């Protein structure tokens, strides 16, 4: 549905992660494991990646996919709610959540939970649909989201309602500045965001010191 641009968004997130061999990464709401596969190679045998998702079916899809890719030795799978992460304090060097935060009921609580399990010096990356920075682009994006997207969902997946929800959930998600403020309130420092594809997607980054 993104015409393949989502691969570039995720690649940018990986490039901004600063993750190094031997580190521990939490790929939250990791779904099919795209980021997990990349991070697994970067952290190497001495590192670890935890693929976590609240949906057990998605975890199974991700596990099967990663096993087919030969990604096994340094990846663990945990069914987890972002609002109450089942990990000790100061566990991870990096937490990523890509296109999952907008589906979390209490985003403030989830951000606090992520902050708790990050190590001092660790960073959080939130890759999420956001608000276009250009009015003309915003109008075109609305037309695509509320007209073309549900139609494509009906044709491709015989499910227009899920794609209507997708468009609605994106509009309800906090905009760039609001989410940055929420990260500040949760305790993150040096927060910043990068608009991608004109702000249709934004990558937020914050540190725990």
C-alpha atoms as a PDB file:
ATOM      1  CA  UNK A   1       0.000   0.000   0.000  1.00  0.00           C
ATOM      2  CA  UNK A   2       3.021   2.313   0.430  1.00  0.00           C
ATOM      3  CA  UNK A   3       4.295   1.407  -3.048  1.00  0.00           C
ATOM      4  CA  UNK A   4       7.427   0.002  -1.438  1.00  0.00           C
ATOM      5  CA  UNK A   5       8.446   3.241   0.293  1.00  0.00           C
ATOM      6  CA  UNK A   6       8.033   1.563   3.710  1.00  0.00           C
ATOM      7  CA  UNK A   7      11.318  -0.237   3.065  1.00  0.00           C
ATOM      8  CA  UNK A   8      13.088   3.109   2.846  1.00  0.00           C
ATOM      9  CA  UNK A   9      11.401   4.307   6.050  1.00  0.00           C
ATOM     10  CA  UNK A  10      12.584   1.216   7.917  1.00  0.00           C
ATOM     11  CA  UNK A  11      16.071   1.478   6.442  1.00  0.00           C
ATOM     12  CA  UNK A  12      16.297   5.064   7.711  1.00  0.00           C
ATOM     13  CA  UNK A  13      15.235   3.902  11.172  1.00  0.00           C
ATOM     14  CA  UNK A  14      17.953   1.247  11.176  1.00  0.00           C
ATOM     15  CA  UNK A  15      20.534   3.812  10.048  1.00  0.00           C
ATOM     16  CA  UNK A  16      19.485   6.095  12.928  1.00  0.00           C
ATOM     17  CA  UNK A  17      19.547   3.330  15.525  1.00  0.00           C
ATOM     18  CA  UNK A  18      23.267   3.444  16.258  1.00  0.00           C
ATOM     19  CA  UNK A  19      23.031  -0.201  17.318  1.00  0.00           C
ATOM     20  CA  UNK A  20      26.337  -2.060  17.676  1.00  0.00           C
ATOM     21  CA  UNK A  21      27.523  -5.678  17.938  1.00  0.00           C
ATOM     22  CA  UNK A  22      26.821  -7.235  21.314  1.00  0.00           C
ATOM     23  CA  UNK A  23      23.905  -4.963  22.200  1.00  0.00           C
ATOM     24  CA  UNK A  24      20.374  -5.909  23.228  1.00  0.00           C
ATOM     25  CA  UNK A  25      17.429  -4.695  21.143  1.00  0.00           C
ATOM     26  CA  UNK A  26      13.659  -4.794  21.717  1.00  0.00           C
ATOM     27  CA  UNK A  27      11.622  -4.743  18.503  1.00  0.00           C
ATOM     28  CA  UNK A  28       8.235  -3.865  19.976  1.00  0.00           C
ATOM     29  CA  UNK A  29       5.050  -4.525  18.012  1.00  0.00           C
ATOM     30  CA  UNK A  30       7.536  -6.206  15.690  1.00  0.00           C
ATOM     31  CA  UNK A  31       4.925  -8.095  13.690  1.00  0.00           C
ATOM     32  CA  UNK A  32       6.553  -9.988  10.848  1.00  0.00           C
ATOM     33  CA  UNK A  33      10.075  -9.256  12.047  1.00  0.00           C
ATOM     34  CA  UNK A  34      11.468  -7.004   9.314  1.00  0.00           C
ATOM     35  CA  UNK A  35      13.489  -4.888  11.746  1.00  0.00           C
ATOM     36  CA  UNK A  36      14.366  -7.877  13.901  1.00  0.00           C
ATOM     37  CA  UNK A  37      16.059  -9.584  10.949  1.00  0.00           C
ATOM     38  CA  UNK A  38      18.243  -6.541  10.306  1.00  0.00           C
ATOM     39  CA  UNK A  39      19.118  -5.974  13.956  1.00  0.00           C
ATOM     40  CA  UNK A  40      19.912  -9.658  14.434  1.00  0.00           C
ATOM     41  CA  UNK A  41      22.685  -9.386  11.858  1.00  0.00           C
ATOM     42  CA  UNK A  42      24.036  -6.163  13.342  1.00  0.00           C
ATOM     43  CA  UNK A  43      24.234  -7.262  17.006  1.00  0.00           C
ATOM     44  CA  UNK A  44      25.731 -10.625  16.073  1.00  0.00           C
ATOM     45  CA  UNK A  45      26.117 -13.749  18.170  1.00  0.00           C
ATOM     46  CA  UNK A  46      27.012 -11.851  21.341  1.00  0.00           C
ATOM     47  CA  UNK A  47      23.958  -9.616  21.048  1.00  0.00           C
ATOM     48  CA  UNK A  48      20.254 -10.313  21.383  1.00  0.00           C
ATOM     49  CA  UNK A  49      17.046  -9.154  19.751  1.00  0.00           C
ATOM     50  CA  UNK A  50      13.649  -9.620  21.378  1.00  0.00           C
ATOM     51  CA  UNK A  51      10.717  -9.601  18.979  1.00  0.00           C
ATOM     52  CA  UNK A  52       7.667  -8.641  21.030  1.00  0.00           C
ATOM     53  CA  UNK A  53       4.054  -8.276  19.984  1.00  0.00           C
ATOM     54  CA  UNK A  54       0.756  -8.295  21.851  1.00  0.00           C
ATOM     55  CA  UNK A  55      -0.717 -10.542  19.139  1.00  0.00           C
ATOM     56  CA  UNK A  56       0.387 -14.179  19.420  1.00  0.00           C
ATOM     57  CA  UNK A  57      -0.593 -14.911  15.814  1.00  0.00           C
ATOM     58  CA  UNK A  58       1.680 -12.142  14.564  1.00  0.00           C
ATOM     59  CA  UNK A  59       4.506 -13.497  16.701  1.00  0.00           C
ATOM     60  CA  UNK A  60       4.103 -16.894  15.069  1.00  0.00           C
ATOM     61  CA  UNK A  61       4.162 -15.331  11.602  1.00  0.00           C
ATOM     62  CA  UNK A  62       7.320 -13.438  12.504  1.00  0.00           C
ATOM     63  CA  UNK A  63       8.994 -16.499  14.002  1.00  0.00           C
ATOM     64  CA  UNK A  64       8.249 -18.633  10.948  1.00  0.00           C
ATOM     65  CA  UNK A  65       9.483 -15.916   8.609  1.00  0.00           C
ATOM     66  CA  UNK A  66      12.728 -15.394  10.506  1.00  0.00           C
ATOM     67  CA  UNK A  67      13.395 -19.118  10.738  1.00  0.00           C
ATOM     68  CA  UNK A  68      12.933 -19.363   6.975  1.00  0.00           C
ATOM     69  CA  UNK A  69      15.569 -16.627   6.675  1.00  0.00           C
ATOM     70  CA  UNK A  70      17.910 -18.532   8.975  1.00  0.00           C
ATOM     71  CA  UNK A  71      17.603 -15.991  11.795  1.00  0.00           C
ATOM     72  CA  UNK A  72      17.477 -18.137  14.906  1.00  0.00           C
ATOM     73  CA  UNK A  73      20.355 -18.039  17.369  1.00  0.00           C
ATOM     74  CA  UNK A  74      20.108 -14.528  18.850  1.00  0.00           C
ATOM     75  CA  UNK A  75      16.352 -13.823  18.609  1.00  0.00           C
ATOM     76  CA  UNK A  76      13.764 -14.410  21.344  1.00  0.00           C
ATOM     77  CA  UNK A  77       9.980 -14.065  21.004  1.00  0.00           C
ATOM     78  CA  UNK A  78       7.816 -12.575  23.747  1.00  0.00           C
ATOM     79  CA  UNK A  79       4.102 -11.835  23.774  1.00  0.00           C
ATOM     80  CA  UNK A  80       3.940  -8.474  25.515  1.00  0.00           C
ATOM     81  CA  UNK A  81       1.726  -5.460  26.086  1.00  0.00           C
ATOM     82  CA  UNK A  82       3.621  -2.217  25.395  1.00  0.00           C
ATOM     83  CA  UNK A  83       1.909  -0.603  28.394  1.00  0.00           C
ATOM     84  CA  UNK A  84       3.370  -3.154  30.827  1.00  0.00           C
ATOM     85  CA  UNK A  85       6.545  -4.593  29.372  1.00  0.00           C
ATOM     86  CA  UNK A  86       7.564  -7.813  31.192  1.00  0.00           C
ATOM     87  CA  UNK A  87      11.264  -6.980  31.433  1.00  0.00           C
ATOM     88  CA  UNK A  88      13.492  -5.705  34.269  1.00  0.00           C
ATOM     89  CA  UNK A  89      14.596  -2.094  34.416  1.00  0.00           C
ATOM     90  CA  UNK A  90      17.624  -1.107  32.327  1.00  0.00           C
ATOM     91  CA  UNK A  91      17.508  -4.130  30.003  1.00  0.00           C
ATOM     92  CA  UNK A  92      17.797  -2.832  26.432  1.00  0.00           C
ATOM     93  CA  UNK A  93      20.249  -0.633  24.538  1.00  0.00           C
ATOM     94  CA  UNK A  94      17.635   0.117  21.887  1.00  0.00           C
ATOM     95  CA  UNK A  95      13.853  -0.098  21.615  1.00  0.00           C
ATOM     96  CA  UNK A  96      12.068   0.290  18.304  1.00  0.00           C
ATOM     97  CA  UNK A  97       8.346   0.400  17.649  1.00  0.00           C
ATOM     98  CA  UNK A  98       7.415   0.713  13.981  1.00  0.00           C
ATOM     99  CA  UNK A  99       3.798   1.435  13.016  1.00  0.00           C
ATOM    100  CA  UNK A 100       2.540   0.101  16.327  1.00  0.00           C
ATOM    101  CA  UNK A 101       2.284   2.985  18.780  1.00  0.00           C
ATOM    102  CA  UNK A 102      -0.896   4.381  17.217  1.00  0.00           C
ATOM    103  CA  UNK A 103      -2.673   1.112  18.157  1.00  0.00           C
ATOM    104  CA  UNK A 104      -1.680   1.353  21.828  1.00  0.00           C
ATOM    105  CA  UNK A 105      -4.560   2.445  24.081  1.00  0.00           C
ATOM    106  CA  UNK A 106      -2.506   4.430  26.605  1.00  0.00           C
ATOM    107  CA  UNK A 107       0.477   5.818  24.733  1.00  0.00           C
ATOM    108  CA  UNK A 108       1.794   7.761  27.729  1.00  0.00           C
ATOM    109  CA  UNK A 109       1.889   4.608  29.844  1.00  0.00           C
ATOM    110  CA  UNK A 110       3.585   2.704  27.029  1.00  0.00           C
ATOM    111  CA  UNK A 111       6.276   5.368  26.673  1.00  0.00           C
ATOM    112  CA  UNK A 112       6.923   5.241  30.419  1.00  0.00           C
ATOM    113  CA  UNK A 113       7.182   1.457  30.233  1.00  0.00           C
ATOM    114  CA  UNK A 114       9.692   1.696  27.386  1.00  0.00           C
ATOM    115  CA  UNK A 115      11.703   4.256  29.305  1.00  0.00           C
ATOM    116  CA  UNK A 116      11.847   1.960  32.328  1.00  0.00           C
ATOM    117  CA  UNK A 117      13.329  -1.007  30.458  1.00  0.00           C
ATOM    118  CA  UNK A 118      15.886   1.034  28.510  1.00  0.00           C
ATOM    119  CA  UNK A 119      19.440   1.137  29.822  1.00  0.00           C
ATOM    120  CA  UNK A 120      20.954   4.513  30.687  1.00  0.00           C
ATOM    121  CA  UNK A 121      22.396   5.767  27.420  1.00  0.00           C
ATOM    122  CA  UNK A 122      19.839   3.750  25.461  1.00  0.00           C
ATOM    123  CA  UNK A 123      17.526   5.153  22.835  1.00  0.00           C
ATOM    124  CA  UNK A 124      13.954   4.767  21.658  1.00  0.00           C
ATOM    125  CA  UNK A 125      12.943   4.960  18.011  1.00  0.00           C
ATOM    126  CA  UNK A 126       9.275   5.412  17.110  1.00  0.00           C
ATOM    127  CA  UNK A 127       8.487   5.060  13.415  1.00  0.00           C
ATOM    128  CA  UNK A 128       4.875   5.992  12.792  1.00  0.00           C
ATOM    129  CA  UNK A 129       2.445   7.555  10.371  1.00  0.00           C
ATOM    130  CA  UNK A 130       2.139  11.251  11.153  1.00  0.00           C
ATOM    131  CA  UNK A 131       0.865  14.547   9.771  1.00  0.00           C
ATOM    132  CA  UNK A 132       1.968  15.823   6.326  1.00  0.00           C
ATOM    133  CA  UNK A 133       3.765  19.132   6.567  1.00  0.00           C
ATOM    134  CA  UNK A 134       2.366  20.486   3.288  1.00  0.00           C
ATOM    135  CA  UNK A 135      -1.321  21.377   2.877  1.00  0.00           C
ATOM    136  CA  UNK A 136      -1.486  20.201  -0.737  1.00  0.00           C
ATOM    137  CA  UNK A 137       0.153  16.896   0.160  1.00  0.00           C
ATOM    138  CA  UNK A 138      -2.216  16.567   3.108  1.00  0.00           C
ATOM    139  CA  UNK A 139      -5.283  16.882   0.860  1.00  0.00           C
ATOM    140  CA  UNK A 140      -3.906  14.336  -1.618  1.00  0.00           C
ATOM    141  CA  UNK A 141      -3.046  11.997   1.266  1.00  0.00           C
ATOM    142  CA  UNK A 142      -6.577  12.270   2.667  1.00  0.00           C
ATOM    143  CA  UNK A 143      -8.061  11.403  -0.710  1.00  0.00           C
ATOM    144  CA  UNK A 144      -5.779   8.383  -1.001  1.00  0.00           C
ATOM    145  CA  UNK A 145      -6.416   7.247   2.582  1.00  0.00           C
ATOM    146  CA  UNK A 146     -10.203   7.547   2.681  1.00  0.00           C
ATOM    147  CA  UNK A 147     -11.052   6.673  -0.916  1.00  0.00           C
ATOM    148  CA  UNK A 148      -8.381   4.674  -2.705  1.00  0.00           C
ATOM    149  CA  UNK A 149      -6.985   2.764   0.284  1.00  0.00           C
ATOM    150  CA  UNK A 150     -10.269   1.067   1.333  1.00  0.00           C
ATOM    151  CA  UNK A 151     -10.969   0.222  -2.312  1.00  0.00           C
ATOM    152  CA  UNK A 152      -7.539  -1.356  -2.674  1.00  0.00           C
ATOM    153  CA  UNK A 153      -8.112  -3.260   0.562  1.00  0.00           C
ATOM    154  CA  UNK A 154     -11.393  -4.595  -0.805  1.00  0.00           C
ATOM    155  CA  UNK A 155      -9.776  -5.735  -4.052  1.00  0.00           C
ATOM    156  CA  UNK A 156      -6.537  -7.131  -2.601  1.00  0.00           C
ATOM    157  CA  UNK A 157      -7.691  -8.543   0.734  1.00  0.00           C
ATOM    158  CA  UNK A 158     -11.491  -8.468   0.493  1.00  0.00           C
ATOM    159  CA  UNK A 159     -11.396  -6.309   3.613  1.00  0.00           C
ATOM    160  CA  UNK A 160     -12.176  -2.621   3.197  1.00  0.00           C
ATOM    161  CA  UNK A 161     -13.075  -2.066   6.872  1.00  0.00           C
ATOM    162  CA  UNK A 162      -9.551  -2.781   8.166  1.00  0.00           C
ATOM    163  CA  UNK A 163      -8.163  -0.208   5.767  1.00  0.00           C
ATOM    164  CA  UNK A 164     -10.765   2.334   6.825  1.00  0.00           C
ATOM    165  CA  UNK A 165      -9.605   1.747  10.406  1.00  0.00           C
ATOM    166  CA  UNK A 166      -6.000   2.206   9.285  1.00  0.00           C
ATOM    167  CA  UNK A 167      -6.786   5.631   7.833  1.00  0.00           C
ATOM    168  CA  UNK A 168      -8.818   6.660  10.891  1.00  0.00           C
ATOM    169  CA  UNK A 169      -6.192   5.481  13.382  1.00  0.00           C
ATOM    170  CA  UNK A 170      -3.531   7.484  11.560  1.00  0.00           C
ATOM    171  CA  UNK A 171      -5.619  10.666  11.833  1.00  0.00           C
ATOM    172  CA  UNK A 172      -6.198  10.086  15.559  1.00  0.00           C
ATOM    173  CA  UNK A 173      -2.505   9.568  16.288  1.00  0.00           C
ATOM    174  CA  UNK A 174      -0.676  12.524  17.889  1.00  0.00           C
ATOM    175  CA  UNK A 175       1.116  14.803  15.452  1.00  0.00           C
ATOM    176  CA  UNK A 176       4.890  15.219  15.454  1.00  0.00           C
ATOM    177  CA  UNK A 177       5.166  17.954  18.072  1.00  0.00           C
ATOM    178  CA  UNK A 178       2.589  16.352  20.369  1.00  0.00           C
ATOM    179  CA  UNK A 179       4.345  12.990  20.326  1.00  0.00           C
ATOM    180  CA  UNK A 180       7.687  14.660  20.955  1.00  0.00           C
ATOM    181  CA  UNK A 181       6.147  16.350  23.998  1.00  0.00           C
ATOM    182  CA  UNK A 182       4.782  13.019  25.222  1.00  0.00           C
ATOM    183  CA  UNK A 183       8.257  11.502  24.973  1.00  0.00           C
ATOM    184  CA  UNK A 184       9.683  14.438  26.933  1.00  0.00           C
ATOM    185  CA  UNK A 185       7.066  13.941  29.642  1.00  0.00           C
ATOM    186  CA  UNK A 186       7.899  10.225  29.859  1.00  0.00           C
ATOM    187  CA  UNK A 187      11.488  11.165  30.699  1.00  0.00           C
ATOM    188  CA  UNK A 188      13.268  10.947  27.362  1.00  0.00           C
ATOM    189  CA  UNK A 189      15.905  13.559  26.599  1.00  0.00           C
ATOM    190  CA  UNK A 190      17.291  15.084  23.415  1.00  0.00           C
ATOM    191  CA  UNK A 191      14.075  14.115  21.641  1.00  0.00           C
ATOM    192  CA  UNK A 192      13.781  14.946  17.967  1.00  0.00           C
ATOM    193  CA  UNK A 193      11.906  13.783  14.905  1.00  0.00           C
ATOM    194  CA  UNK A 194      12.555  13.452  11.210  1.00  0.00           C
ATOM    195  CA  UNK A 195       9.753  13.924   8.697  1.00  0.00           C
ATOM    196  CA  UNK A 196       9.809  11.286   5.963  1.00  0.00           C
ATOM    197  CA  UNK A 197       7.891  11.563   2.679  1.00  0.00           C
ATOM    198  CA  UNK A 198       6.702  15.037   3.562  1.00  0.00           C
ATOM    199  CA  UNK A 199       5.614  14.091   7.081  1.00  0.00           C
ATOM    200  CA  UNK A 200       3.365  11.199   6.051  1.00  0.00           C
ATOM    201  CA  UNK A 201       5.669   9.227   8.318  1.00  0.00           C
ATOM    202  CA  UNK A 202       7.935  10.530  11.084  1.00  0.00           C
ATOM    203  CA  UNK A 203      10.806   8.911  12.936  1.00  0.00           C
ATOM    204  CA  UNK A 204      11.015  10.028  16.565  1.00  0.00           C
ATOM    205  CA  UNK A 205      14.143   9.500  18.644  1.00  0.00           C
ATOM    206  CA  UNK A 206      14.796   9.977  22.336  1.00  0.00           C
ATOM    207  CA  UNK A 207      17.458   8.970  24.854  1.00  0.00           C
ATOM    208  CA  UNK A 208      17.492   7.778  28.449  1.00  0.00           C
ATOM    209  CA  UNK A 209      20.314   9.303  30.487  1.00  0.00           C
END
